[in-house]
């Protein structure tokens, strides 16, 4: 008997504002399947505008999983995401033979595609001390210590994300070894045929998209959304570009124009880190964001 072909998982990656949502929805619609979102901030229901969570009309009638399903106080790790996404992936593959995974959170994508590193369990006492330091003095001293203890992790980590910085420092301090030395390079899972597509556009065009997106968020009510979330500002979910800067504005330390300029700058910085993460893996096929026919042709050729 002929062997059954492996089901296919198409992964759409790219920097923020590069058009991932439209590309993923278009592919899923073409193949009659569903989309699994791996954007760790779009998980939160209350953070719609500031995370650019897509509107229903942008989903093209395609079923999307893991958009706006968490409350602000809930904390999800990459491992929690992978455990929740696995049965959804298996059901989608069983029904359609193909699924689409999309997002800009590299750690979450890798958790589903490769599994997680066997890092030490959380050291509650150490983490508490680090969180106390963060509350008193902010993120900069923790980043400086991480740069001293583990420059490799410091150069690649999302420096706007206290949760990740604290976790990396916790591992360094608890074990006496750099976090980066304890991370492996696990191989892709072999039960699915993985096809990676990264959205490629010139840096100037990407930055223009980022600026337009921020302006669009402001027009849609980002300032009002951030103000409504101000009482929850200490929650990890809200240590996010777009909200932190506006919280500083509400405190009186930034004018609104200054906050907007810094949001755009921090978003550009985040896009650079996303591109760095993508480029470390040569299995990504770089294609133009809006050439959806090319995306389909590439998937057809590699299924």
Protein backbone atom coordinates (compact mmCIF):
# COMPACT_ATOMS: atom_id res chain seq x y z
CA UNK A 1 0.00 0.00 0.00
CA UNK A 2 1.27 3.52 -0.74
CA UNK A 3 2.32 5.50 2.31
CA UNK A 4 0.01 8.29 3.38
CA UNK A 5 1.57 11.72 2.76
CA UNK A 6 2.34 13.71 5.87
CA UNK A 7 -0.05 16.58 6.61
CA UNK A 8 1.31 20.07 5.96
CA UNK A 9 1.77 22.97 8.36
CA UNK A 10 2.39 26.30 6.63
CA UNK A 11 4.05 28.88 8.87
CA UNK A 12 3.75 32.57 8.02
CA UNK A 13 6.35 34.74 9.75
CA UNK A 14 7.56 38.28 9.38
CA UNK A 15 8.09 41.50 11.28
CA UNK A 16 5.22 43.44 12.77
CA UNK A 17 3.04 45.29 10.20
CA UNK A 18 4.37 43.20 7.30
CA UNK A 19 0.96 41.74 6.33
CA UNK A 20 1.02 38.36 8.08
CA UNK A 21 -2.70 38.32 8.92
CA UNK A 22 -3.83 38.83 5.32
CA UNK A 23 -1.26 36.37 3.94
CA UNK A 24 -2.25 33.64 6.43
CA UNK A 25 -6.00 34.16 5.97
CA UNK A 26 -5.65 34.14 2.17
CA UNK A 27 -3.70 30.87 2.25
CA UNK A 28 -6.11 29.24 4.67
CA UNK A 29 -9.11 30.32 2.59
CA UNK A 30 -7.51 28.94 -0.56
CA UNK A 31 -6.88 25.53 1.04
CA UNK A 32 -10.15 25.43 2.99
CA UNK A 33 -8.43 25.20 6.37
CA UNK A 34 -7.94 27.15 9.63
CA UNK A 35 -5.37 29.49 11.18
CA UNK A 36 -3.58 29.13 14.51
CA UNK A 37 -2.32 32.47 15.83
CA UNK A 38 1.01 32.56 17.67
CA UNK A 39 1.03 36.26 18.53
CA UNK A 40 1.51 36.33 22.29
CA UNK A 41 -0.03 39.78 22.77
CA UNK A 42 -3.07 39.26 20.55
CA UNK A 43 -4.11 36.51 22.97
CA UNK A 44 -5.45 39.20 25.34
CA UNK A 45 -9.07 40.22 24.82
CA UNK A 46 -8.79 43.72 26.32
CA UNK A 47 -5.77 44.71 24.22
CA UNK A 48 -7.37 44.81 20.77
CA UNK A 49 -6.26 48.16 19.37
CA UNK A 50 -2.73 48.28 20.81
CA UNK A 51 -1.84 44.81 19.55
CA UNK A 52 -3.46 45.33 16.11
CA UNK A 53 -5.63 42.27 16.68
CA UNK A 54 -7.45 41.78 13.36
CA UNK A 55 -11.09 42.67 12.95
CA UNK A 56 -13.58 40.01 11.86
CA UNK A 57 -13.60 41.46 8.34
CA UNK A 58 -9.81 40.95 8.07
CA UNK A 59 -10.10 37.21 8.79
CA UNK A 60 -11.77 36.57 5.39
CA UNK A 61 -14.31 34.23 6.94
CA UNK A 62 -11.54 31.83 8.02
CA UNK A 63 -11.62 30.20 11.48
CA UNK A 64 -8.79 31.64 13.62
CA UNK A 65 -7.70 30.16 16.94
CA UNK A 66 -6.11 31.96 19.93
CA UNK A 67 -7.19 35.53 19.23
CA UNK A 68 -8.48 37.48 22.22
CA UNK A 69 -9.17 34.43 24.36
CA UNK A 70 -7.28 35.46 27.54
CA UNK A 71 -8.07 37.86 30.36
CA UNK A 72 -5.36 40.37 31.30
CA UNK A 73 -4.36 38.64 34.54
CA UNK A 74 -3.81 35.27 32.85
CA UNK A 75 -0.20 34.44 32.08
CA UNK A 76 0.64 32.18 29.19
CA UNK A 77 4.08 30.84 28.40
CA UNK A 78 5.30 29.39 25.13
CA UNK A 79 4.86 25.96 26.67
CA UNK A 80 1.26 26.67 27.68
CA UNK A 81 0.56 27.86 24.14
CA UNK A 82 2.11 24.75 22.58
CA UNK A 83 0.11 22.46 24.85
CA UNK A 84 -3.15 24.24 24.02
CA UNK A 85 -2.39 24.54 20.30
CA UNK A 86 -1.38 20.90 19.75
CA UNK A 87 -4.91 19.37 19.88
CA UNK A 88 -6.22 22.23 17.69
CA UNK A 89 -3.46 21.54 15.19
CA UNK A 90 -4.18 17.81 15.16
CA UNK A 91 -7.92 18.34 14.67
CA UNK A 92 -7.29 20.80 11.82
CA UNK A 93 -4.83 18.49 10.10
CA UNK A 94 -7.18 15.53 10.47
CA UNK A 95 -10.03 17.51 8.91
CA UNK A 96 -8.15 19.32 6.15
CA UNK A 97 -4.66 17.81 5.74
CA UNK A 98 -3.15 21.31 6.02
CA UNK A 99 -3.08 24.08 8.63
CA UNK A 100 -1.65 27.60 8.83
CA UNK A 101 0.35 28.94 11.79
CA UNK A 102 1.00 32.69 11.90
CA UNK A 103 2.61 35.12 14.29
CA UNK A 104 5.51 37.33 15.20
CA UNK A 105 6.38 35.65 18.52
CA UNK A 106 9.30 33.42 17.57
CA UNK A 107 9.49 31.55 20.86
CA UNK A 108 5.83 30.54 20.56
CA UNK A 109 6.24 29.37 16.97
CA UNK A 110 9.30 27.32 17.92
CA UNK A 111 7.47 25.80 20.89
CA UNK A 112 4.93 24.25 18.51
CA UNK A 113 7.39 23.35 15.75
CA UNK A 114 10.36 22.14 17.80
CA UNK A 115 9.32 21.70 21.42
CA UNK A 116 10.95 23.51 24.34
CA UNK A 117 14.41 23.42 25.88
CA UNK A 118 14.70 21.47 29.16
CA UNK A 119 15.54 24.60 31.17
CA UNK A 120 15.48 24.59 34.98
CA UNK A 121 12.12 24.93 36.66
CA UNK A 122 11.22 28.39 37.89
CA UNK A 123 13.06 29.50 41.04
CA UNK A 124 10.28 31.34 42.88
CA UNK A 125 12.54 33.04 45.42
CA UNK A 126 14.97 34.30 42.78
CA UNK A 127 12.16 35.47 40.53
CA UNK A 128 10.55 37.39 43.41
CA UNK A 129 13.81 39.25 44.07
CA UNK A 130 14.19 40.13 40.40
CA UNK A 131 10.59 41.31 40.15
CA UNK A 132 11.10 43.47 43.22
CA UNK A 133 14.19 45.02 41.62
CA UNK A 134 12.21 45.65 38.45
CA UNK A 135 9.42 47.41 40.37
CA UNK A 136 11.88 49.63 42.25
CA UNK A 137 14.42 50.49 39.54
CA UNK A 138 12.90 49.49 36.20
CA UNK A 139 14.20 47.21 33.48
CA UNK A 140 17.49 48.93 32.59
CA UNK A 141 19.59 47.60 35.55
CA UNK A 142 18.31 44.06 34.86
CA UNK A 143 19.25 44.39 31.19
CA UNK A 144 22.72 45.63 32.15
CA UNK A 145 23.21 42.60 34.42
CA UNK A 146 21.96 40.26 31.68
CA UNK A 147 24.41 41.83 29.21
CA UNK A 148 27.25 41.15 31.67
CA UNK A 149 26.20 37.56 32.48
CA UNK A 150 24.98 36.48 29.03
CA UNK A 151 25.71 38.87 26.12
CA UNK A 152 24.36 36.32 23.62
CA UNK A 153 20.88 36.31 25.15
CA UNK A 154 21.04 40.08 25.73
CA UNK A 155 21.64 40.71 22.03
CA UNK A 156 18.64 38.61 20.92
CA UNK A 157 16.03 39.05 23.67
CA UNK A 158 12.99 41.33 23.46
CA UNK A 159 14.30 44.13 25.66
CA UNK A 160 10.84 45.59 26.10
CA UNK A 161 9.54 42.39 27.73
CA UNK A 162 10.28 42.24 31.49
CA UNK A 163 8.89 38.68 31.75
CA UNK A 164 11.50 37.30 29.34
CA UNK A 165 14.36 39.38 30.73
CA UNK A 166 13.58 38.28 34.29
CA UNK A 167 13.30 34.63 33.23
CA UNK A 168 16.67 34.72 31.45
CA UNK A 169 18.35 36.39 34.43
CA UNK A 170 16.69 33.95 36.81
CA UNK A 171 18.22 31.01 34.90
CA UNK A 172 21.66 32.67 34.80
CA UNK A 173 21.66 33.45 38.53
CA UNK A 174 20.08 30.18 39.67
CA UNK A 175 22.44 27.93 37.70
CA UNK A 176 25.60 30.04 37.49
CA UNK A 177 25.65 29.51 33.73
CA UNK A 178 24.49 31.70 30.82
CA UNK A 179 20.92 31.12 29.72
CA UNK A 180 22.12 30.84 26.09
CA UNK A 181 24.43 27.91 26.95
CA UNK A 182 21.49 25.95 28.31
CA UNK A 183 19.40 26.40 25.20
CA UNK A 184 19.67 23.73 22.55
CA UNK A 185 18.75 23.85 18.87
CA UNK A 186 16.03 21.20 18.77
CA UNK A 187 15.04 19.83 15.39
CA UNK A 188 11.72 20.35 13.68
CA UNK A 189 9.02 17.84 14.49
CA UNK A 190 8.76 15.13 11.82
CA UNK A 191 5.06 14.24 11.97
CA UNK A 192 4.16 17.19 9.73
CA UNK A 193 5.62 18.69 6.58
CA UNK A 194 6.61 22.21 7.69
CA UNK A 195 6.68 24.96 5.06
CA UNK A 196 7.98 28.33 6.27
CA UNK A 197 7.22 31.59 4.46
CA UNK A 198 8.67 34.88 5.72
CA UNK A 199 7.31 38.16 4.42
CA UNK A 200 10.02 40.24 2.82
CA UNK A 201 9.86 43.96 2.09
CA UNK A 202 12.39 46.81 2.02
CA UNK A 203 13.24 48.38 5.37
CA UNK A 204 11.91 51.80 4.31
CA UNK A 205 8.58 50.28 3.23
CA UNK A 206 8.34 48.32 6.50
CA UNK A 207 8.96 51.43 8.58
CA UNK A 208 6.34 53.33 6.60
CA UNK A 209 3.85 50.52 7.32
CA UNK A 210 4.75 50.65 11.02
CA UNK A 211 4.18 54.40 11.18
CA UNK A 212 0.87 54.08 9.34
CA UNK A 213 -0.23 51.31 11.68
CA UNK A 214 0.53 53.36 14.79
CA UNK A 215 -1.31 56.35 13.31
CA UNK A 216 -4.25 54.06 12.52
CA UNK A 217 -4.30 52.72 16.08
CA UNK A 218 -4.40 56.25 17.44
CA UNK A 219 -7.27 57.16 15.13
CA UNK A 220 -9.12 54.04 16.27
CA UNK A 221 -8.82 54.96 19.95
CA UNK A 222 -5.51 53.63 21.30
CA UNK A 223 -5.15 56.45 23.85
CA UNK A 224 -8.61 55.74 25.25
CA UNK A 225 -7.96 51.98 25.32
CA UNK A 226 -4.67 52.50 27.18
CA UNK A 227 -6.35 54.86 29.66
CA UNK A 228 -9.00 52.24 30.42
CA UNK A 229 -6.22 49.72 31.13
CA UNK A 230 -4.16 52.03 33.35
CA UNK A 231 -5.38 50.38 36.61
CA UNK A 232 -3.87 47.10 35.36
CA UNK A 233 -0.52 48.54 34.25
CA UNK A 234 1.56 46.25 36.51
CA UNK A 235 0.30 43.10 34.78
CA UNK A 236 2.83 41.39 32.51
CA UNK A 237 0.50 41.56 29.50
CA UNK A 238 0.65 45.36 29.56
CA UNK A 239 4.45 45.61 29.52
CA UNK A 240 3.94 45.99 25.79
CA UNK A 241 4.92 48.59 23.22
CA UNK A 242 2.11 51.08 22.76
CA UNK A 243 0.79 50.84 26.29
CA UNK A 244 3.93 51.48 28.35
CA UNK A 245 4.69 54.71 26.51
CA UNK A 246 1.13 55.99 26.94
CA UNK A 247 1.22 55.10 30.63
CA UNK A 248 4.31 57.35 30.88
CA UNK A 249 2.33 60.07 29.10
CA UNK A 250 -0.51 59.72 31.62
CA UNK A 251 2.09 60.03 34.41
CA UNK A 252 3.19 63.34 32.90
CA UNK A 253 6.73 62.24 31.97
CA UNK A 254 6.05 62.38 28.21
CA UNK A 255 3.92 64.60 26.03
CA UNK A 256 1.52 62.77 23.75
CA UNK A 257 3.67 63.58 20.71
CA UNK A 258 6.77 62.25 22.50
CA UNK A 259 4.93 59.06 23.47
CA UNK A 260 3.79 58.51 19.87
CA UNK A 261 7.31 59.02 18.52
CA UNK A 262 8.71 56.53 21.06
CA UNK A 263 5.97 53.98 20.24
CA UNK A 264 7.05 54.15 16.59
CA UNK A 265 10.72 53.86 17.53
CA UNK A 266 10.15 50.90 19.86
CA UNK A 267 8.01 49.18 17.22
CA UNK A 268 10.81 49.60 14.66
CA UNK A 269 13.25 48.13 17.19
CA UNK A 270 10.92 45.19 17.77
CA UNK A 271 10.66 44.58 14.00
CA UNK A 272 14.47 44.47 13.78
CA UNK A 273 14.61 41.80 16.50
CA UNK A 274 11.92 39.77 14.71
CA UNK A 275 13.96 39.92 11.49
CA UNK A 276 17.08 38.80 13.37
CA UNK A 277 15.18 35.80 14.73
CA UNK A 278 13.88 34.84 11.28
CA UNK A 279 17.25 35.15 9.57
CA UNK A 280 18.96 32.73 11.92
CA UNK A 281 17.02 29.90 10.26
CA UNK A 282 17.72 29.28 6.58
CA UNK A 283 14.54 27.23 6.10
CA UNK A 284 12.41 30.37 5.77
CA UNK A 285 11.47 31.24 2.19
CA UNK A 286 11.35 35.03 1.82
CA UNK A 287 8.48 36.20 -0.39
CA UNK A 288 6.76 39.56 -0.99
CA UNK A 289 3.88 40.16 1.47
CA UNK A 290 1.11 40.87 -1.03
CA UNK A 291 2.04 38.35 -3.75
CA UNK A 292 -0.38 35.77 -2.41
CA UNK A 293 -0.32 33.77 -5.66
CA UNK A 294 3.43 33.24 -5.06
CA UNK A 295 2.72 32.00 -1.55
CA UNK A 296 0.19 29.46 -2.89
CA UNK A 297 2.55 28.35 -5.67
CA UNK A 298 5.36 27.83 -3.15
CA UNK A 299 3.13 25.76 -0.85
CA UNK A 300 1.86 23.67 -3.79
CA UNK A 301 5.44 22.97 -4.87
CA UNK A 302 6.48 21.77 -1.40
CA UNK A 303 3.45 19.88 -0.13
